[in-house]
N, C-alpha and C. Protein backbone atom coordinates (compact mmCIF):
# COMPACT_ATOMS: atom_id res chain seq x y z
N UNK A 1 3.14 4.82 2.61
CA UNK A 1 4.22 4.19 1.97
C UNK A 1 5.50 4.68 2.71
N UNK A 2 6.34 3.74 3.01
CA UNK A 2 7.66 4.06 3.65
C UNK A 2 8.79 4.16 2.56
N UNK A 3 9.49 5.19 2.70
CA UNK A 3 10.62 5.43 1.74
C UNK A 3 11.87 5.37 2.69
N UNK A 4 12.69 4.39 2.46
CA UNK A 4 13.96 4.17 3.28
C UNK A 4 15.06 4.93 2.59
N UNK A 5 15.49 6.04 3.31
CA UNK A 5 16.67 6.85 2.81
C UNK A 5 17.92 6.11 3.13
N UNK A 6 18.04 5.61 4.38
CA UNK A 6 19.17 4.80 4.72
C UNK A 6 18.76 3.81 5.76
N UNK A 7 19.32 2.63 5.83
CA UNK A 7 18.98 1.63 6.84
C UNK A 7 20.18 0.72 7.04
N UNK A 8 20.69 0.83 8.38
CA UNK A 8 21.81 0.07 8.71
C UNK A 8 21.82 -0.18 10.22
N UNK A 9 21.18 -1.27 10.66
CA UNK A 9 21.14 -1.57 12.05
C UNK A 9 21.94 -2.85 12.29
N UNK A 10 22.29 -3.06 13.63
CA UNK A 10 23.08 -4.18 13.99
C UNK A 10 22.33 -5.44 13.93
N UNK A 11 22.72 -6.43 13.23
CA UNK A 11 22.03 -7.65 12.96
C UNK A 11 21.68 -8.36 14.29
N UNK A 12 20.43 -8.54 14.62
CA UNK A 12 19.96 -9.25 15.73
C UNK A 12 19.68 -8.47 16.99
N UNK A 13 20.42 -7.35 17.20
CA UNK A 13 20.21 -6.61 18.45
C UNK A 13 19.49 -5.31 18.26
N UNK A 14 19.44 -4.83 17.01
CA UNK A 14 18.64 -3.60 16.65
C UNK A 14 17.60 -4.02 15.61
N UNK A 15 16.36 -3.87 16.04
CA UNK A 15 15.23 -4.31 15.15
C UNK A 15 14.16 -3.31 15.02
N UNK A 16 13.75 -2.97 13.78
CA UNK A 16 12.60 -2.13 13.51
C UNK A 16 11.50 -3.07 13.12
N UNK A 17 10.39 -2.96 13.81
CA UNK A 17 9.17 -3.75 13.50
C UNK A 17 8.10 -2.84 12.87
N UNK A 18 7.57 -3.25 11.72
CA UNK A 18 6.49 -2.52 11.08
C UNK A 18 5.36 -3.60 10.97
N UNK A 19 4.22 -3.36 11.70
CA UNK A 19 3.20 -4.34 11.76
C UNK A 19 3.78 -5.57 12.39
N UNK A 20 3.74 -6.65 11.65
CA UNK A 20 4.29 -7.94 12.22
C UNK A 20 5.70 -8.25 11.65
N UNK A 21 6.22 -7.43 10.66
CA UNK A 21 7.49 -7.72 10.06
C UNK A 21 8.62 -7.11 10.77
N UNK A 22 9.74 -7.80 10.91
CA UNK A 22 10.92 -7.29 11.54
C UNK A 22 12.03 -7.01 10.47
N UNK A 23 12.65 -5.87 10.65
CA UNK A 23 13.72 -5.40 9.69
C UNK A 23 14.96 -5.15 10.47
N UNK A 24 16.15 -5.59 10.00
CA UNK A 24 17.40 -5.38 10.69
C UNK A 24 18.53 -5.56 9.63
N UNK A 25 19.72 -5.21 10.08
CA UNK A 25 20.89 -5.24 9.25
C UNK A 25 20.74 -4.19 8.13
N UNK A 26 20.89 -4.49 6.84
CA UNK A 26 20.69 -3.61 5.78
C UNK A 26 19.43 -3.72 5.07
N UNK A 27 18.41 -4.51 5.58
CA UNK A 27 17.18 -4.77 4.89
C UNK A 27 16.01 -3.95 5.62
N UNK A 28 15.84 -2.77 5.06
CA UNK A 28 14.79 -1.91 5.60
C UNK A 28 13.49 -2.10 4.92
N UNK A 29 12.43 -1.42 5.43
CA UNK A 29 11.09 -1.56 4.90
C UNK A 29 10.68 -0.77 3.71
N UNK A 30 11.53 -0.77 2.67
CA UNK A 30 11.36 0.04 1.42
C UNK A 30 10.03 -0.23 0.78
N UNK A 31 9.25 0.81 0.47
CA UNK A 31 7.96 0.74 -0.15
C UNK A 31 6.91 -0.11 0.57
N UNK A 32 7.06 -0.31 1.82
CA UNK A 32 6.09 -1.00 2.68
C UNK A 32 4.94 0.01 2.89
N UNK A 33 3.70 -0.49 2.70
CA UNK A 33 2.56 0.42 2.87
C UNK A 33 2.15 0.27 4.30
N UNK A 34 1.90 1.41 4.99
CA UNK A 34 1.44 1.49 6.36
C UNK A 34 0.03 2.16 6.35
N UNK A 35 -0.70 1.87 7.33
CA UNK A 35 -2.06 2.45 7.51
C UNK A 35 -2.19 3.17 8.79
N UNK A 36 -3.10 4.08 8.90
CA UNK A 36 -3.29 4.88 10.20
C UNK A 36 -3.48 3.88 11.30
N UNK A 37 -2.82 4.08 12.42
CA UNK A 37 -2.90 3.22 13.54
C UNK A 37 -1.93 1.98 13.56
N UNK A 38 -1.33 1.79 12.48
CA UNK A 38 -0.33 0.64 12.43
C UNK A 38 0.92 1.03 13.23
N UNK A 39 1.38 0.08 14.04
CA UNK A 39 2.52 0.41 14.90
C UNK A 39 3.83 0.19 14.26
N UNK A 40 4.76 1.07 14.47
CA UNK A 40 6.12 1.01 14.10
C UNK A 40 6.93 1.08 15.38
N UNK A 41 7.77 0.05 15.59
CA UNK A 41 8.47 -0.07 16.89
C UNK A 41 9.98 -0.27 16.65
N UNK A 42 10.83 0.43 17.42
CA UNK A 42 12.24 0.31 17.34
C UNK A 42 12.73 -0.35 18.73
N UNK A 43 13.57 -1.29 18.59
CA UNK A 43 14.18 -1.86 19.82
C UNK A 43 15.62 -2.12 19.60
N UNK A 44 16.39 -1.90 20.69
CA UNK A 44 17.87 -2.16 20.64
C UNK A 44 18.34 -2.62 21.98
N UNK A 45 19.33 -3.46 22.05
CA UNK A 45 19.90 -3.85 23.31
C UNK A 45 20.94 -2.83 23.74
N UNK A 46 21.32 -1.87 22.84
CA UNK A 46 22.25 -0.80 23.20
C UNK A 46 23.67 -1.21 23.29
N UNK A 47 24.02 -2.45 23.16
CA UNK A 47 25.37 -2.89 23.29
C UNK A 47 26.16 -2.75 22.04
N UNK A 48 25.68 -3.22 20.95
CA UNK A 48 26.28 -3.13 19.64
C UNK A 48 25.34 -2.34 18.70
N UNK A 49 25.93 -1.30 18.07
CA UNK A 49 25.07 -0.49 17.25
C UNK A 49 25.69 -0.26 15.85
N UNK A 50 24.89 0.16 14.94
CA UNK A 50 25.33 0.53 13.57
C UNK A 50 24.89 1.97 13.38
N UNK A 51 25.01 2.42 12.10
CA UNK A 51 24.70 3.83 11.84
C UNK A 51 23.27 4.29 11.98
N UNK A 52 22.39 3.27 11.96
CA UNK A 52 20.91 3.69 12.20
C UNK A 52 20.13 3.72 10.95
N UNK A 53 19.04 4.56 10.96
CA UNK A 53 18.17 4.57 9.75
C UNK A 53 17.50 5.91 9.66
N UNK A 54 17.06 6.22 8.39
CA UNK A 54 16.24 7.34 8.10
C UNK A 54 15.10 6.86 7.20
N UNK A 55 13.88 7.11 7.63
CA UNK A 55 12.73 6.63 6.94
C UNK A 55 11.71 7.77 6.85
N UNK A 56 11.15 8.01 5.58
CA UNK A 56 10.09 8.99 5.41
C UNK A 56 8.79 8.33 5.24
N UNK A 57 7.73 8.89 5.66
CA UNK A 57 6.40 8.33 5.49
C UNK A 57 5.64 9.25 4.57
N UNK A 58 4.90 8.70 3.63
CA UNK A 58 4.10 9.48 2.70
C UNK A 58 4.51 9.14 1.27
N UNK A 59 3.55 9.43 0.41
CA UNK A 59 3.82 9.23 -1.08
C UNK A 59 4.70 10.37 -1.57
N UNK A 60 5.55 10.11 -2.52
CA UNK A 60 6.40 11.11 -3.10
C UNK A 60 5.52 12.14 -3.82
N UNK A 61 5.96 13.38 -3.82
CA UNK A 61 5.23 14.42 -4.58
C UNK A 61 5.37 14.22 -6.09
N UNK A 62 4.32 14.57 -6.74
CA UNK A 62 4.26 14.30 -8.23
C UNK A 62 4.28 15.64 -9.01
N UNK A 63 5.09 15.73 -10.01
CA UNK A 63 5.17 16.96 -10.80
C UNK A 63 3.89 17.11 -11.57
N UNK A 64 3.40 18.33 -11.62
CA UNK A 64 2.16 18.65 -12.31
C UNK A 64 2.35 19.65 -13.39
N UNK A 65 1.54 19.68 -14.37
CA UNK A 65 1.55 20.77 -15.41
C UNK A 65 0.57 21.83 -15.14
N UNK A 66 -0.19 21.71 -14.05
CA UNK A 66 -1.09 22.75 -13.74
C UNK A 66 -0.60 23.74 -12.70
N UNK A 67 -0.59 25.04 -12.97
CA UNK A 67 -0.09 26.08 -12.02
C UNK A 67 -0.92 26.19 -10.75
N UNK A 68 -2.15 25.57 -10.77
CA UNK A 68 -3.06 25.59 -9.62
C UNK A 68 -2.62 24.55 -8.58
N UNK A 69 -1.77 23.57 -8.95
CA UNK A 69 -1.41 22.57 -8.05
C UNK A 69 -0.39 23.08 -6.99
N UNK A 70 -0.84 23.28 -5.75
CA UNK A 70 0.06 23.80 -4.73
C UNK A 70 0.70 22.74 -3.81
N UNK A 71 0.52 21.49 -4.07
CA UNK A 71 1.18 20.39 -3.28
C UNK A 71 0.33 19.88 -2.17
N UNK A 72 -0.88 20.58 -1.88
CA UNK A 72 -1.67 20.07 -0.80
C UNK A 72 -2.19 18.64 -0.96
N UNK A 73 -2.32 18.17 -2.20
CA UNK A 73 -2.70 16.85 -2.48
C UNK A 73 -1.54 15.94 -3.02
N UNK A 74 -0.30 16.50 -2.87
CA UNK A 74 0.81 15.71 -3.34
C UNK A 74 1.23 16.01 -4.81
N UNK A 75 0.42 16.80 -5.52
CA UNK A 75 0.71 17.26 -6.88
C UNK A 75 1.25 18.68 -6.78
N UNK A 76 2.42 18.97 -7.46
CA UNK A 76 2.95 20.26 -7.29
C UNK A 76 3.57 20.74 -8.60
N UNK A 77 3.44 22.02 -8.84
CA UNK A 77 3.86 22.67 -10.11
C UNK A 77 5.15 23.48 -9.83
N UNK A 78 6.21 23.25 -10.53
CA UNK A 78 7.43 24.02 -10.47
C UNK A 78 7.36 25.02 -11.62
N UNK A 79 7.28 26.30 -11.21
CA UNK A 79 6.97 27.35 -12.18
C UNK A 79 8.06 27.51 -13.21
N UNK A 80 9.26 27.78 -12.75
CA UNK A 80 10.45 28.05 -13.69
C UNK A 80 11.46 26.98 -13.67
N UNK A 81 11.17 25.90 -14.26
CA UNK A 81 11.97 24.75 -14.23
C UNK A 81 11.94 24.10 -12.92
N UNK A 82 13.02 23.43 -12.52
CA UNK A 82 13.05 22.85 -11.20
C UNK A 82 12.67 21.42 -11.17
N UNK A 83 13.11 20.72 -10.16
CA UNK A 83 12.96 19.30 -9.97
C UNK A 83 12.11 19.11 -8.77
N UNK A 84 10.94 18.40 -8.88
CA UNK A 84 10.09 18.19 -7.79
C UNK A 84 10.73 17.31 -6.73
N UNK A 85 10.38 17.61 -5.47
CA UNK A 85 10.88 16.70 -4.35
C UNK A 85 9.96 16.86 -3.20
N UNK A 86 10.14 15.99 -2.21
CA UNK A 86 9.36 16.04 -1.01
C UNK A 86 8.32 14.86 -0.96
N UNK A 87 7.51 14.88 0.15
CA UNK A 87 6.62 13.84 0.46
C UNK A 87 5.22 14.45 0.90
N UNK A 88 4.16 13.77 0.62
CA UNK A 88 2.83 14.19 1.11
C UNK A 88 2.51 15.59 0.72
N UNK A 89 2.22 16.45 1.69
CA UNK A 89 1.89 17.86 1.35
C UNK A 89 3.06 18.83 1.60
N UNK A 90 4.30 18.21 1.66
CA UNK A 90 5.54 19.02 1.83
C UNK A 90 6.39 18.98 0.58
N UNK A 91 5.80 19.53 -0.54
CA UNK A 91 6.48 19.44 -1.89
C UNK A 91 7.32 20.73 -2.00
N UNK A 92 8.44 20.57 -2.71
CA UNK A 92 9.38 21.71 -3.04
C UNK A 92 9.96 21.46 -4.37
N UNK A 93 10.53 22.47 -4.94
CA UNK A 93 11.29 22.35 -6.19
C UNK A 93 12.69 22.81 -5.94
N UNK A 94 13.67 22.05 -6.56
CA UNK A 94 15.10 22.41 -6.50
C UNK A 94 15.61 22.54 -7.90
N UNK A 95 16.82 23.01 -7.99
CA UNK A 95 17.40 23.28 -9.28
C UNK A 95 16.57 24.16 -10.20
N UNK A 96 16.00 25.28 -9.65
CA UNK A 96 15.20 26.17 -10.42
C UNK A 96 16.06 26.80 -11.55
N UNK A 97 15.34 27.35 -12.57
CA UNK A 97 16.11 28.09 -13.67
C UNK A 97 16.84 29.21 -13.05
N UNK A 98 17.95 29.57 -13.70
CA UNK A 98 18.80 30.68 -13.08
C UNK A 98 18.01 31.92 -12.81
N UNK A 99 18.25 32.45 -11.60
CA UNK A 99 17.52 33.61 -11.17
C UNK A 99 16.25 33.45 -10.47
N UNK A 100 15.82 32.19 -10.30
CA UNK A 100 14.50 31.92 -9.64
C UNK A 100 14.76 31.07 -8.44
N UNK A 101 13.87 31.12 -7.52
CA UNK A 101 14.00 30.28 -6.26
C UNK A 101 12.66 30.21 -5.55
N UNK A 102 12.75 29.79 -4.33
CA UNK A 102 11.54 29.62 -3.51
C UNK A 102 11.02 28.19 -3.67
N UNK A 103 10.01 27.87 -2.87
CA UNK A 103 9.54 26.49 -2.86
C UNK A 103 8.93 25.97 -4.26
N UNK A 104 8.48 26.89 -5.13
CA UNK A 104 7.98 26.47 -6.41
C UNK A 104 8.71 27.15 -7.52
N UNK A 105 9.88 27.72 -7.33
CA UNK A 105 10.67 28.38 -8.31
C UNK A 105 10.03 29.63 -8.89
N UNK A 106 9.17 30.36 -8.11
CA UNK A 106 8.50 31.50 -8.62
C UNK A 106 9.10 32.80 -8.16
N UNK A 107 10.04 32.73 -7.17
CA UNK A 107 10.62 33.96 -6.65
C UNK A 107 11.73 34.49 -7.44
N UNK A 108 11.80 35.81 -7.66
CA UNK A 108 12.92 36.44 -8.35
C UNK A 108 13.73 37.15 -7.25
N UNK A 109 15.03 37.40 -7.61
CA UNK A 109 15.82 38.17 -6.62
C UNK A 109 15.27 39.62 -6.59
N UNK A 110 15.54 40.27 -5.45
CA UNK A 110 15.15 41.66 -5.24
C UNK A 110 15.65 42.49 -6.38
N UNK A 111 14.71 43.37 -6.86
CA UNK A 111 15.11 44.23 -7.95
C UNK A 111 14.79 43.72 -9.37
N UNK A 112 14.35 42.54 -9.43
CA UNK A 112 14.05 41.83 -10.74
C UNK A 112 12.50 41.48 -10.79
N UNK A 113 12.04 41.26 -11.91
CA UNK A 113 10.71 40.76 -12.06
C UNK A 113 10.66 39.72 -13.12
N UNK A 114 9.69 38.88 -13.01
CA UNK A 114 9.55 37.80 -13.99
C UNK A 114 8.13 37.35 -14.05
N UNK A 115 7.69 36.77 -15.10
CA UNK A 115 6.32 36.32 -15.34
C UNK A 115 6.42 34.79 -15.48
N UNK A 116 5.67 34.07 -14.63
CA UNK A 116 5.65 32.64 -14.81
C UNK A 116 5.07 32.24 -16.12
N UNK A 117 5.46 31.14 -16.77
CA UNK A 117 4.87 30.71 -18.02
C UNK A 117 3.35 30.41 -17.91
């Protein structure tokens, strides 16, 4: 699945092709499903350009209630609060409860200790 973070190409001269579909201007391939081996191609005449695009590939990470979920399958557990983020097997937590940090909000600052719930 493609997740379009931003997409702004010059109409007609900058084209992103996914499979057989062409995308340009402000119309990116949001939520388009791609399969292994499917081609994604970028072409530009280089004369007139816009700000470009940022696209992520992979399903969004899903918050889990199981402390055993480490993100390897896209399910991830944020130990001490936190908001799940990332794609595929690259899951992280942000906005951890005060005093906690790290990719799953389990780390305490040096000199402190805590017990995950």
